[in-house]
Amino acid sequence: MRPPSAVEAHPVLAIGLALCSAFLYALAAALQRLAAGRTGDRSHDGRAFFGALVRQPVWWGGVGSMAAGAGVHVVALGLGSVTLVQPLGVLALVLALPLDARFERRVVTRAEWAAAAVLVAGLGGLLALAPHHGEGGAAPPTGLVAVVVAAAVVLALLVTTSARLRTASRAVCRAAGAGLCAGTTSGLVRPVLHGLHRGPFDAGLVTAGVAVLVLPVLGLLLLQTAYRDGGLDAGLATQTTIDPVVAGTIGIAVLGERFTGGPGGAVLAAACAVVTVAGLVWLIRSGPGAVTSRAAAAGPTSC
């Protein structure tokens, strides 16, 4: 039987699978946003909204693509460290831009492509600094339980807060909750996989395993309402920003992963993260949903 660390010896394959997963997630996002836009229901009646969604084949196509992307992503996490694989998920937003434009029969603007270029530049820096060989995915049971409890508390706060916000802010808040679900799931997948390989089970492993099954469902539901209220740019951009931040934090704080270059590398990684977030914010502000919101806020102009 191979030692658990042997499954981490393929960083190039992990990157390739992560790219494949990013494309599947991008396709899923574009299809789900298209379905959410077709419902025409922007009320607080969640039951009516989700009832309309499940009657659309295009939405189920998005769910299938998301499920396939999640499966590929899990395999990538088994072959590479969280801090290596997770930042590539941000590319889903860049890949979703032309797909969404195709479905909406519009053209991606220069501002959107420029913002995407800034995002990719920050992502490239993170990838260069990320460890290509992790610690093996081992984590103390108390650490796994603490991660699940913290995620549950923050998620509850986000959902509660979003109910009191206006449409655009509510979309960002719920997309942040979806990103928290995705990032926590990604951070817990590796210790769960390695725990299953080693055995026997403990309280931390069981808690993490339940979270890995429940959080993706919660994230999926939150993301649909974010697409409904804020469109693709606000929803997916926020989700893809929070996702790698949460997963990377778990990898460093619980799994013992470290950026290359010591403290200096950590500072450079933080700078690259700032560039990545700046690109994402720019992309949100330059997207068609943001332009429409600003025009509506300005009101009609006089001749």
Foldseek 3Di string as FASTA:
>chain_A
DDALLVLQPCLVVLQVLLLVLLLLLLQLLLLLLVQLQVLPDLDPPLVSSVVSSVVDVSNVSSVVSNVVSVVSNLSSVSHFPLLQRLLSNLCSLVSNQVVNCVVVVHDDDPLLVVLVVLLVQLSVLSNVFFDSGFDSLAFDLVLLVVLLVVLVVQLVVLQVVLVPDDLLVSLLSLLLNLLSLQQLLSLLSRNLVSDVVPDDDDNSNVSSVVSNVPSNVSSVSSLSSSSNRQNSLSNVLSSSLNRSVSNVCSCVVTRVTDTPPPPVSVVSNVVSSVSNNSSSVSNSCPDPSNVVVVDVVVPDDDD
